[in-house]
Structures are given as structure tokens and as C-alpha cells.
Amino acid sequence: MKATIWHNPRCSKSREALTLLNEARADVTIVEYLKTPPTRDELARLYARAGLAPRDALRKDAPKAASDDAALDLMAADPATIERPLVETEKGVVLARPPERVHAIL
């Protein structure tokens, strides 16, 4: 199974999700989103596929957004505001907090 993880190697939850993907023998593409940020459109696609409102996918310490559009604008401008890790497979997308949520899409 192919999987993509939007990953921050300094984040323990992101590292745990990556370990679970590797243990499941997924063919993992790692995107270090702070180095290679997703576009606003990519974020919108991922959150729609995950069934998440973009405002609910902001880090807890990020500025509050008045709307989902404002949240997407904020995340596109400052990828450090994106809650991580996001994981995508052909079965769907999850915000892997807790990391065990990846099992739902494997």
C-alpha cells in the first residue's frame, strides 16, 4: 500500500505515525511540510478527503481563524500552523493524532 505522510521529524506524534506506517510495510512518501509546504489547494483537498474543517486542523497554538478559508490562507502562508501529521492512502486521509489513527486507512 502507498502512503504519504506530511511529516515533521521533530514531532514525536509524527515520528510515531511514520513508525506505524513502516511497520505496516507501507510504501511511504515522506513530505517534510516545513521544507516543502503543501499549497492551499492541496490542503483543501486533504481536509475535504479527511472530512475535517480546516479550522479544526490548525495547531492549538496557532492564531484562531474566523473561517475555513482564513485557516487555509494561514496554513498556506505559515506551514508551522498545520497540525500534524497528515497521512493519506487510497483509503482516505487522517490527521494522525493520536498516531494509531493511521490504522483506519491502511
PDB file of N, CA and C in Angstrom:
ATOM      1  N   MET A   1       0.839  -1.175   0.000  1.00  0.00           N
ATOM      2  CA  MET A   1       0.000   0.000   0.000  1.00  0.00           C
ATOM      3  C   MET A   1       0.887   1.242   0.000  1.00  0.00           C
ATOM      4  N   LYS A   2       0.488   2.231  -0.781  1.00  0.00           N
ATOM      5  CA  LYS A   2       1.203   3.505  -0.817  1.00  0.00           C
ATOM      6  C   LYS A   2       0.595   4.452   0.205  1.00  0.00           C
ATOM      7  N   ALA A   3       1.458   5.232   0.844  1.00  0.00           N
ATOM      8  CA  ALA A   3       1.015   6.224   1.822  1.00  0.00           C
ATOM      9  C   ALA A   3       1.892   7.455   1.685  1.00  0.00           C
ATOM     10  N   THR A   4       1.298   8.593   1.961  1.00  0.00           N
ATOM     11  CA  THR A   4       2.042   9.849   2.030  1.00  0.00           C
ATOM     12  C   THR A   4       1.825  10.428   3.411  1.00  0.00           C
ATOM     13  N   ILE A   5       2.919  10.850   4.035  1.00  0.00           N
ATOM     14  CA  ILE A   5       2.829  11.493   5.338  1.00  0.00           C
ATOM     15  C   ILE A   5       3.423  12.887   5.233  1.00  0.00           C
ATOM     16  N   TRP A   6       2.649  13.880   5.682  1.00  0.00           N
ATOM     17  CA  TRP A   6       3.157  15.244   5.810  1.00  0.00           C
ATOM     18  C   TRP A   6       3.736  15.292   7.208  1.00  0.00           C
ATOM     19  N   HIS A   7       5.042  15.327   7.258  1.00  0.00           N
ATOM     20  CA  HIS A   7       5.822  14.932   8.425  1.00  0.00           C
ATOM     21  C   HIS A   7       6.713  16.063   8.931  1.00  0.00           C
ATOM     22  N   ASN A   8       6.847  16.097  10.250  1.00  0.00           N
ATOM     23  CA  ASN A   8       7.847  16.946  10.899  1.00  0.00           C
ATOM     24  C   ASN A   8       8.685  16.003  11.758  1.00  0.00           C
ATOM     25  N   PRO A   9       9.955  15.778  11.379  1.00  0.00           N
ATOM     26  CA  PRO A   9      10.773  14.813  12.117  1.00  0.00           C
ATOM     27  C   PRO A   9      11.029  15.212  13.570  1.00  0.00           C
ATOM     28  N   ARG A  10      10.776  16.454  13.938  1.00  0.00           N
ATOM     29  CA  ARG A  10      10.961  16.892  15.323  1.00  0.00           C
ATOM     30  C   ARG A  10       9.741  16.608  16.198  1.00  0.00           C
ATOM     31  N   CYS A  11       8.659  16.149  15.589  1.00  0.00           N
ATOM     32  CA  CYS A  11       7.397  15.898  16.305  1.00  0.00           C
ATOM     33  C   CYS A  11       7.286  14.418  16.657  1.00  0.00           C
ATOM     34  N   SER A  12       7.112  14.128  17.930  1.00  0.00           N
ATOM     35  CA  SER A  12       7.021  12.731  18.368  1.00  0.00           C
ATOM     36  C   SER A  12       5.806  12.025  17.767  1.00  0.00           C
ATOM     37  N   LYS A  13       4.687  12.693  17.655  1.00  0.00           N
ATOM     38  CA  LYS A  13       3.484  12.057  17.088  1.00  0.00           C
ATOM     39  C   LYS A  13       3.691  11.736  15.615  1.00  0.00           C
ATOM     40  N   SER A  14       4.377  12.627  14.921  1.00  0.00           N
ATOM     41  CA  SER A  14       4.677  12.390  13.516  1.00  0.00           C
ATOM     42  C   SER A  14       5.631  11.209  13.366  1.00  0.00           C
ATOM     43  N   ARG A  15       6.636  11.142  14.215  1.00  0.00           N
ATOM     44  CA  ARG A  15       7.571  10.009  14.169  1.00  0.00           C
ATOM     45  C   ARG A  15       6.852   8.701  14.489  1.00  0.00           C
ATOM     46  N   GLU A  16       5.940   8.724  15.461  1.00  0.00           N
ATOM     47  CA  GLU A  16       5.189   7.519  15.813  1.00  0.00           C
ATOM     48  C   GLU A  16       4.311   7.059  14.649  1.00  0.00           C
ATOM     49  N   ALA A  17       3.652   7.997  13.982  1.00  0.00           N
ATOM     50  CA  ALA A  17       2.815   7.639  12.831  1.00  0.00           C
ATOM     51  C   ALA A  17       3.669   7.042  11.724  1.00  0.00           C
ATOM     52  N   LEU A  18       4.834   7.606  11.477  1.00  0.00           N
ATOM     53  CA  LEU A  18       5.736   7.073  10.458  1.00  0.00           C
ATOM     54  C   LEU A  18       6.185   5.658  10.822  1.00  0.00           C
ATOM     55  N   THR A  19       6.467   5.414  12.087  1.00  0.00           N
ATOM     56  CA  THR A  19       6.841   4.065  12.538  1.00  0.00           C
ATOM     57  C   THR A  19       5.710   3.082  12.272  1.00  0.00           C
ATOM     58  N   LEU A  20       4.480   3.477  12.561  1.00  0.00           N
ATOM     59  CA  LEU A  20       3.337   2.594  12.313  1.00  0.00           C
ATOM     60  C   LEU A  20       3.184   2.296  10.824  1.00  0.00           C
ATOM     61  N   LEU A  21       3.394   3.284   9.982  1.00  0.00           N
ATOM     62  CA  LEU A  21       3.326   3.069   8.534  1.00  0.00           C
ATOM     63  C   LEU A  21       4.409   2.094   8.085  1.00  0.00           C
ATOM     64  N   ASN A  22       5.611   2.290   8.603  1.00  0.00           N
ATOM     65  CA  ASN A  22       6.712   1.387   8.237  1.00  0.00           C
ATOM     66  C   ASN A  22       6.460  -0.024   8.745  1.00  0.00           C
ATOM     67  N   GLU A  23       5.930  -0.170   9.959  1.00  0.00           N
ATOM     68  CA  GLU A  23       5.612  -1.491  10.494  1.00  0.00           C
ATOM     69  C   GLU A  23       4.547  -2.193   9.653  1.00  0.00           C
ATOM     70  N   ALA A  24       3.655  -1.412   9.062  1.00  0.00           N
ATOM     71  CA  ALA A  24       2.611  -1.974   8.200  1.00  0.00           C
ATOM     72  C   ALA A  24       3.140  -2.235   6.788  1.00  0.00           C
ATOM     73  N   ARG A  25       4.418  -1.981   6.587  1.00  0.00           N
ATOM     74  CA  ARG A  25       5.096  -2.185   5.304  1.00  0.00           C
ATOM     75  C   ARG A  25       4.490  -1.354   4.184  1.00  0.00           C
ATOM     76  N   ALA A  26       4.016  -0.161   4.536  1.00  0.00           N
ATOM     77  CA  ALA A  26       3.508   0.759   3.522  1.00  0.00           C
ATOM     78  C   ALA A  26       4.681   1.326   2.734  1.00  0.00           C
ATOM     79  N   ASP A  27       4.439   1.615   1.484  1.00  0.00           N
ATOM     80  CA  ASP A  27       5.401   2.307   0.627  1.00  0.00           C
ATOM     81  C   ASP A  27       5.182   3.800   0.896  1.00  0.00           C
ATOM     82  N   VAL A  28       6.014   4.374   1.764  1.00  0.00           N
ATOM     83  CA  VAL A  28       5.750   5.701   2.312  1.00  0.00           C
ATOM     84  C   VAL A  28       6.532   6.782   1.574  1.00  0.00           C
ATOM     85  N   THR A  29       5.803   7.807   1.160  1.00  0.00           N
ATOM     86  CA  THR A  29       6.407   9.038   0.669  1.00  0.00           C
ATOM     87  C   THR A  29       6.361  10.029   1.822  1.00  0.00           C
ATOM     88  N   ILE A  30       7.513  10.539   2.193  1.00  0.00           N
ATOM     89  CA  ILE A  30       7.604  11.485   3.306  1.00  0.00           C
ATOM     90  C   ILE A  30       7.749  12.888   2.746  1.00  0.00           C
ATOM     91  N   VAL A  31       6.840  13.764   3.147  1.00  0.00           N
ATOM     92  CA  VAL A  31       6.900  15.165   2.762  1.00  0.00           C
ATOM     93  C   VAL A  31       7.161  15.966   4.035  1.00  0.00           C
ATOM     94  N   GLU A  32       8.350  16.510   4.156  1.00  0.00           N
ATOM     95  CA  GLU A  32       8.638  17.381   5.296  1.00  0.00           C
ATOM     96  C   GLU A  32       7.993  18.726   4.990  1.00  0.00           C
ATOM     97  N   TYR A  33       6.784  18.906   5.509  1.00  0.00           N
ATOM     98  CA  TYR A  33       5.942  20.019   5.092  1.00  0.00           C
ATOM     99  C   TYR A  33       6.495  21.390   5.475  1.00  0.00           C
ATOM    100  N   LEU A  34       7.423  21.460   6.425  1.00  0.00           N
ATOM    101  CA  LEU A  34       8.028  22.756   6.731  1.00  0.00           C
ATOM    102  C   LEU A  34       9.051  23.144   5.661  1.00  0.00           C
ATOM    103  N   LYS A  35       9.633  22.147   5.001  1.00  0.00           N
ATOM    104  CA  LYS A  35      10.588  22.400   3.912  1.00  0.00           C
ATOM    105  C   LYS A  35       9.889  22.485   2.565  1.00  0.00           C
ATOM    106  N   THR A  36       8.847  21.678   2.395  1.00  0.00           N
ATOM    107  CA  THR A  36       8.080  21.626   1.151  1.00  0.00           C
ATOM    108  C   THR A  36       6.602  21.772   1.506  1.00  0.00           C
ATOM    109  N   PRO A  37       6.146  23.002   1.747  1.00  0.00           N
ATOM    110  CA  PRO A  37       4.767  23.187   2.206  1.00  0.00           C
ATOM    111  C   PRO A  37       3.732  22.810   1.149  1.00  0.00           C
ATOM    112  N   PRO A  38       2.630  22.246   1.593  1.00  0.00           N
ATOM    113  CA  PRO A  38       1.530  21.992   0.658  1.00  0.00           C
ATOM    114  C   PRO A  38       0.892  23.317   0.254  1.00  0.00           C
ATOM    115  N   THR A  39       0.324  23.336  -0.932  1.00  0.00           N
ATOM    116  CA  THR A  39      -0.377  24.532  -1.381  1.00  0.00           C
ATOM    117  C   THR A  39      -1.725  24.635  -0.663  1.00  0.00           C
ATOM    118  N   ARG A  40      -2.329  25.783  -0.772  1.00  0.00           N
ATOM    119  CA  ARG A  40      -3.660  25.987  -0.197  1.00  0.00           C
ATOM    120  C   ARG A  40      -4.636  24.979  -0.797  1.00  0.00           C
ATOM    121  N   ASP A  41      -4.568  24.788  -2.123  1.00  0.00           N
ATOM    122  CA  ASP A  41      -5.470  23.834  -2.787  1.00  0.00           C
ATOM    123  C   ASP A  41      -5.232  22.408  -2.311  1.00  0.00           C
ATOM    124  N   GLU A  42      -3.961  22.050  -2.110  1.00  0.00           N
ATOM    125  CA  GLU A  42      -3.637  20.697  -1.619  1.00  0.00           C
ATOM    126  C   GLU A  42      -4.198  20.507  -0.211  1.00  0.00           C
ATOM    127  N   LEU A  43      -4.035  21.507   0.628  1.00  0.00           N
ATOM    128  CA  LEU A  43      -4.595  21.422   1.985  1.00  0.00           C
ATOM    129  C   LEU A  43      -6.112  21.274   1.940  1.00  0.00           C
ATOM    130  N   ALA A  44      -6.763  22.076   1.105  1.00  0.00           N
ATOM    131  CA  ALA A  44      -8.224  21.996   0.988  1.00  0.00           C
ATOM    132  C   ALA A  44      -8.646  20.591   0.549  1.00  0.00           C
ATOM    133  N   ARG A  45      -7.916  20.017  -0.412  1.00  0.00           N
ATOM    134  CA  ARG A  45      -8.229  18.666  -0.889  1.00  0.00           C
ATOM    135  C   ARG A  45      -8.060  17.630   0.221  1.00  0.00           C
ATOM    136  N   LEU A  46      -6.936  17.727   0.949  1.00  0.00           N
ATOM    137  CA  LEU A  46      -6.663  16.777   2.023  1.00  0.00           C
ATOM    138  C   LEU A  46      -7.725  16.847   3.117  1.00  0.00           C
ATOM    139  N   TYR A  47      -8.062  18.048   3.549  1.00  0.00           N
ATOM    140  CA  TYR A  47      -9.051  18.181   4.629  1.00  0.00           C
ATOM    141  C   TYR A  47     -10.437  17.753   4.176  1.00  0.00           C
ATOM    142  N   ALA A  48     -10.783  18.039   2.930  1.00  0.00           N
ATOM    143  CA  ALA A  48     -12.082  17.583   2.416  1.00  0.00           C
ATOM    144  C   ALA A  48     -12.122  16.058   2.410  1.00  0.00           C
ATOM    145  N   ARG A  49     -11.044  15.451   1.971  1.00  0.00           N
ATOM    146  CA  ARG A  49     -10.982  13.984   1.921  1.00  0.00           C
ATOM    147  C   ARG A  49     -11.017  13.383   3.324  1.00  0.00           C
ATOM    148  N   ALA A  50     -10.455  14.088   4.290  1.00  0.00           N
ATOM    149  CA  ALA A  50     -10.446  13.613   5.675  1.00  0.00           C
ATOM    150  C   ALA A  50     -11.763  13.908   6.398  1.00  0.00           C
ATOM    151  N   GLY A  51     -12.602  14.744   5.794  1.00  0.00           N
ATOM    152  CA  GLY A  51     -13.834  15.154   6.465  1.00  0.00           C
ATOM    153  C   GLY A  51     -13.574  16.115   7.612  1.00  0.00           C
ATOM    154  N   LEU A  52     -12.490  16.893   7.495  1.00  0.00           N
ATOM    155  CA  LEU A  52     -12.107  17.849   8.544  1.00  0.00           C
ATOM    156  C   LEU A  52     -12.320  19.276   8.081  1.00  0.00           C
ATOM    157  N   ALA A  53     -12.813  20.103   8.965  1.00  0.00           N
ATOM    158  CA  ALA A  53     -12.852  21.536   8.696  1.00  0.00           C
ATOM    159  C   ALA A  53     -11.438  22.080   8.879  1.00  0.00           C
ATOM    160  N   PRO A  54     -10.940  22.865   7.935  1.00  0.00           N
ATOM    161  CA  PRO A  54      -9.586  23.403   8.077  1.00  0.00           C
ATOM    162  C   PRO A  54      -9.340  24.091   9.423  1.00  0.00           C
ATOM    163  N   ARG A  55     -10.344  24.775   9.950  1.00  0.00           N
ATOM    164  CA  ARG A  55     -10.160  25.423  11.265  1.00  0.00           C
ATOM    165  C   ARG A  55      -9.833  24.413  12.349  1.00  0.00           C
ATOM    166  N   ASP A  56     -10.340  23.183  12.197  1.00  0.00           N
ATOM    167  CA  ASP A  56     -10.079  22.134  13.184  1.00  0.00           C
ATOM    168  C   ASP A  56      -8.707  21.493  12.997  1.00  0.00           C
ATOM    169  N   ALA A  57      -8.025  21.848  11.916  1.00  0.00           N
ATOM    170  CA  ALA A  57      -6.723  21.268  11.615  1.00  0.00           C
ATOM    171  C   ALA A  57      -5.574  22.237  11.882  1.00  0.00           C
ATOM    172  N   LEU A  58      -5.877  23.362  12.481  1.00  0.00           N
ATOM    173  CA  LEU A  58      -4.826  24.292  12.898  1.00  0.00           C
ATOM    174  C   LEU A  58      -4.215  23.806  14.202  1.00  0.00           C
ATOM    175  N   ARG A  59      -2.930  24.035  14.356  1.00  0.00           N
ATOM    176  CA  ARG A  59      -2.295  23.726  15.638  1.00  0.00           C
ATOM    177  C   ARG A  59      -2.976  24.526  16.735  1.00  0.00           C
ATOM    178  N   LYS A  60      -2.982  23.972  17.916  1.00  0.00           N
ATOM    179  CA  LYS A  60      -3.663  24.619  19.048  1.00  0.00           C
ATOM    180  C   LYS A  60      -3.055  25.979  19.393  1.00  0.00           C
ATOM    181  N   ASP A  61      -1.740  26.148  19.130  1.00  0.00           N
ATOM    182  CA  ASP A  61      -1.083  27.411  19.445  1.00  0.00           C
ATOM    183  C   ASP A  61      -1.080  28.396  18.276  1.00  0.00           C
ATOM    184  N   ALA A  62      -1.771  28.039  17.177  1.00  0.00           N
ATOM    185  CA  ALA A  62      -1.858  28.932  16.015  1.00  0.00           C
ATOM    186  C   ALA A  62      -2.911  30.007  16.276  1.00  0.00           C
ATOM    187  N   PRO A  63      -2.799  31.127  15.579  1.00  0.00           N
ATOM    188  CA  PRO A  63      -3.860  32.135  15.694  1.00  0.00           C
ATOM    189  C   PRO A  63      -5.204  31.542  15.276  1.00  0.00           C
ATOM    190  N   LYS A  64      -6.254  31.973  15.898  1.00  0.00           N
ATOM    191  CA  LYS A  64      -7.593  31.491  15.552  1.00  0.00           C
ATOM    192  C   LYS A  64      -7.996  32.058  14.199  1.00  0.00           C
ATOM    193  N   ALA A  65      -8.696  31.261  13.429  1.00  0.00           N
ATOM    194  CA  ALA A  65      -9.170  31.685  12.116  1.00  0.00           C
ATOM    195  C   ALA A  65     -10.681  31.879  12.173  1.00  0.00           C
ATOM    196  N   ALA A  66     -11.153  32.942  11.529  1.00  0.00           N
ATOM    197  CA  ALA A  66     -12.576  33.268  11.540  1.00  0.00           C
ATOM    198  C   ALA A  66     -13.385  32.345  10.630  1.00  0.00           C
ATOM    199  N   SER A  67     -12.716  31.708   9.669  1.00  0.00           N
ATOM    200  CA  SER A  67     -13.417  30.839   8.725  1.00  0.00           C
ATOM    201  C   SER A  67     -12.455  29.763   8.236  1.00  0.00           C
ATOM    202  N   ASP A  68     -13.003  28.782   7.544  1.00  0.00           N
ATOM    203  CA  ASP A  68     -12.154  27.747   6.960  1.00  0.00           C
ATOM    204  C   ASP A  68     -11.238  28.337   5.892  1.00  0.00           C
ATOM    205  N   ASP A  69     -11.761  29.292   5.109  1.00  0.00           N
ATOM    206  CA  ASP A  69     -10.918  29.951   4.108  1.00  0.00           C
ATOM    207  C   ASP A  69      -9.754  30.680   4.769  1.00  0.00           C
ATOM    208  N   ALA A  70     -10.021  31.354   5.870  1.00  0.00           N
ATOM    209  CA  ALA A  70      -8.955  32.065   6.588  1.00  0.00           C
ATOM    210  C   ALA A  70      -7.941  31.065   7.151  1.00  0.00           C
ATOM    211  N   ALA A  71      -8.408  29.921   7.618  1.00  0.00           N
ATOM    212  CA  ALA A  71      -7.497  28.893   8.137  1.00  0.00           C
ATOM    213  C   ALA A  71      -6.589  28.376   7.026  1.00  0.00           C
ATOM    214  N   LEU A  72      -7.158  28.120   5.862  1.00  0.00           N
ATOM    215  CA  LEU A  72      -6.352  27.653   4.729  1.00  0.00           C
ATOM    216  C   LEU A  72      -5.323  28.705   4.319  1.00  0.00           C
ATOM    217  N   ASP A  73      -5.748  29.969   4.306  1.00  0.00           N
ATOM    218  CA  ASP A  73      -4.815  31.052   3.978  1.00  0.00           C
ATOM    219  C   ASP A  73      -3.671  31.094   4.980  1.00  0.00           C
ATOM    220  N   LEU A  74      -3.994  30.957   6.247  1.00  0.00           N
ATOM    221  CA  LEU A  74      -2.985  30.994   7.307  1.00  0.00           C
ATOM    222  C   LEU A  74      -2.005  29.831   7.167  1.00  0.00           C
ATOM    223  N   MET A  75      -2.520  28.628   6.960  1.00  0.00           N
ATOM    224  CA  MET A  75      -1.652  27.455   6.834  1.00  0.00           C
ATOM    225  C   MET A  75      -0.782  27.530   5.589  1.00  0.00           C
ATOM    226  N   ALA A  76      -1.326  28.058   4.488  1.00  0.00           N
ATOM    227  CA  ALA A  76      -0.532  28.193   3.265  1.00  0.00           C
ATOM    228  C   ALA A  76       0.581  29.219   3.450  1.00  0.00           C
ATOM    229  N   ALA A  77       0.300  30.271   4.209  1.00  0.00           N
ATOM    230  CA  ALA A  77       1.295  31.310   4.442  1.00  0.00           C
ATOM    231  C   ALA A  77       2.325  30.905   5.491  1.00  0.00           C
ATOM    232  N   ASP A  78       1.900  30.085   6.459  1.00  0.00           N
ATOM    233  CA  ASP A  78       2.788  29.677   7.552  1.00  0.00           C
ATOM    234  C   ASP A  78       2.554  28.202   7.863  1.00  0.00           C
ATOM    235  N   PRO A  79       3.283  27.312   7.198  1.00  0.00           N
ATOM    236  CA  PRO A  79       3.032  25.876   7.388  1.00  0.00           C
ATOM    237  C   PRO A  79       3.255  25.387   8.821  1.00  0.00           C
ATOM    238  N   ALA A  80       3.928  26.157   9.652  1.00  0.00           N
ATOM    239  CA  ALA A  80       4.103  25.755  11.050  1.00  0.00           C
ATOM    240  C   ALA A  80       2.767  25.727  11.792  1.00  0.00           C
ATOM    241  N   THR A  81       1.725  26.314  11.215  1.00  0.00           N
ATOM    242  CA  THR A  81       0.400  26.314  11.858  1.00  0.00           C
ATOM    243  C   THR A  81      -0.411  25.067  11.533  1.00  0.00           C
ATOM    244  N   ILE A  82       0.106  24.200  10.647  1.00  0.00           N
ATOM    245  CA  ILE A  82      -0.587  22.969  10.256  1.00  0.00           C
ATOM    246  C   ILE A  82      -0.399  21.915  11.349  1.00  0.00           C
ATOM    247  N   GLU A  83      -1.506  21.385  11.841  1.00  0.00           N
ATOM    248  CA  GLU A  83      -1.412  20.266  12.793  1.00  0.00           C
ATOM    249  C   GLU A  83      -0.935  19.045  12.036  1.00  0.00           C
ATOM    250  N   ARG A  84      -0.097  18.260  12.678  1.00  0.00           N
ATOM    251  CA  ARG A  84       0.496  17.112  12.012  1.00  0.00           C
ATOM    252  C   ARG A  84       0.404  15.892  12.906  1.00  0.00           C
ATOM    253  N   PRO A  85       0.626  14.760  12.260  1.00  0.00           N
ATOM    254  CA  PRO A  85       0.881  14.502  10.849  1.00  0.00           C
ATOM    255  C   PRO A  85      -0.403  14.211  10.090  1.00  0.00           C
ATOM    256  N   LEU A  86      -0.427  14.616   8.854  1.00  0.00           N
ATOM    257  CA  LEU A  86      -1.480  14.203   7.931  1.00  0.00           C
ATOM    258  C   LEU A  86      -0.968  12.986   7.183  1.00  0.00           C
ATOM    259  N   VAL A  87      -1.817  11.985   7.038  1.00  0.00           N
ATOM    260  CA  VAL A  87      -1.433  10.765   6.331  1.00  0.00           C
ATOM    261  C   VAL A  87      -2.529  10.449   5.320  1.00  0.00           C
ATOM    262  N   GLU A  88      -2.092  10.119   4.097  1.00  0.00           N
ATOM    263  CA  GLU A  88      -3.038   9.792   3.025  1.00  0.00           C
ATOM    264  C   GLU A  88      -2.676   8.451   2.408  1.00  0.00           C
ATOM    265  N   THR A  89      -3.690   7.635   2.190  1.00  0.00           N
ATOM    266  CA  THR A  89      -3.576   6.409   1.395  1.00  0.00           C
ATOM    267  C   THR A  89      -4.754   6.414   0.426  1.00  0.00           C
ATOM    268  N   GLU A  90      -4.851   5.361  -0.390  1.00  0.00           N
ATOM    269  CA  GLU A  90      -6.000   5.303  -1.293  1.00  0.00           C
ATOM    270  C   GLU A  90      -7.312   5.141  -0.517  1.00  0.00           C
ATOM    271  N   LYS A  91      -7.228   4.734   0.746  1.00  0.00           N
ATOM    272  CA  LYS A  91      -8.429   4.558   1.568  1.00  0.00           C
ATOM    273  C   LYS A  91      -8.905   5.835   2.237  1.00  0.00           C
ATOM    274  N   GLY A  92      -8.082   6.887   2.246  1.00  0.00           N
ATOM    275  CA  GLY A  92      -8.512   8.135   2.852  1.00  0.00           C
ATOM    276  C   GLY A  92      -7.356   8.933   3.430  1.00  0.00           C
ATOM    277  N   VAL A  93      -7.735   9.936   4.204  1.00  0.00           N
ATOM    278  CA  VAL A  93      -6.785  10.842   4.855  1.00  0.00           C
ATOM    279  C   VAL A  93      -7.162  10.927   6.327  1.00  0.00           C
ATOM    280  N   VAL A  94      -6.142  10.912   7.186  1.00  0.00           N
ATOM    281  CA  VAL A  94      -6.376  11.126   8.615  1.00  0.00           C
ATOM    282  C   VAL A  94      -5.367  12.132   9.147  1.00  0.00           C
ATOM    283  N   LEU A  95      -5.802  12.865  10.139  1.00  0.00           N
ATOM    284  CA  LEU A  95      -4.900  13.643  10.972  1.00  0.00           C
ATOM    285  C   LEU A  95      -4.530  12.681  12.095  1.00  0.00           C
ATOM    286  N   ALA A  96      -3.313  12.202  12.065  1.00  0.00           N
ATOM    287  CA  ALA A  96      -2.901  11.084  12.921  1.00  0.00           C
ATOM    288  C   ALA A  96      -2.517  11.535  14.320  1.00  0.00           C
ATOM    289  N   ARG A  97      -3.460  12.103  15.012  1.00  0.00           N
ATOM    290  CA  ARG A  97      -3.324  12.449  16.418  1.00  0.00           C
ATOM    291  C   ARG A  97      -4.530  11.849  17.122  1.00  0.00           C
ATOM    292  N   PRO A  98      -4.402  10.760  17.770  1.00  0.00           N
ATOM    293  CA  PRO A  98      -3.186  10.011  18.054  1.00  0.00           C
ATOM    294  C   PRO A  98      -2.702   9.247  16.817  1.00  0.00           C
ATOM    295  N   PRO A  99      -1.432   8.864  16.810  1.00  0.00           N
ATOM    296  CA  PRO A  99      -0.849   8.196  15.650  1.00  0.00           C
ATOM    297  C   PRO A  99      -1.586   6.933  15.223  1.00  0.00           C
ATOM    298  N   GLU A 100      -2.212   6.242  16.145  1.00  0.00           N
ATOM    299  CA  GLU A 100      -2.923   4.992  15.832  1.00  0.00           C
ATOM    300  C   GLU A 100      -4.055   5.196  14.830  1.00  0.00           C
ATOM    301  N   ARG A 101      -4.453   6.423  14.585  1.00  0.00           N
ATOM    302  CA  ARG A 101      -5.495   6.679  13.597  1.00  0.00           C
ATOM    303  C   ARG A 101      -5.088   6.223  12.198  1.00  0.00           C
ATOM    304  N   VAL A 102      -3.799   6.057  11.946  1.00  0.00           N
ATOM    305  CA  VAL A 102      -3.365   5.604  10.624  1.00  0.00           C
ATOM    306  C   VAL A 102      -3.917   4.212  10.311  1.00  0.00           C
ATOM    307  N   HIS A 103      -4.176   3.416  11.328  1.00  0.00           N
ATOM    308  CA  HIS A 103      -4.703   2.071  11.083  1.00  0.00           C
ATOM    309  C   HIS A 103      -6.027   2.106  10.321  1.00  0.00           C
ATOM    310  N   ALA A 104      -6.795   3.163  10.465  1.00  0.00           N
ATOM    311  CA  ALA A 104      -8.089   3.268   9.807  1.00  0.00           C
ATOM    312  C   ALA A 104      -7.961   3.368   8.290  1.00  0.00           C
ATOM    313  N   ILE A 105      -6.791   3.773   7.788  1.00  0.00           N
ATOM    314  CA  ILE A 105      -6.646   3.937   6.347  1.00  0.00           C
ATOM    315  C   ILE A 105      -5.598   2.991   5.744  1.00  0.00           C
ATOM    316  N   LEU A 106      -5.200   2.005   6.514  1.00  0.00           N
ATOM    317  CA  LEU A 106      -4.238   1.016   5.999  1.00  0.00           C
ATOM    318  C   LEU A 106      -4.957  -0.195   5.447  1.00  0.00           C
TER     319      LEU A 106
END
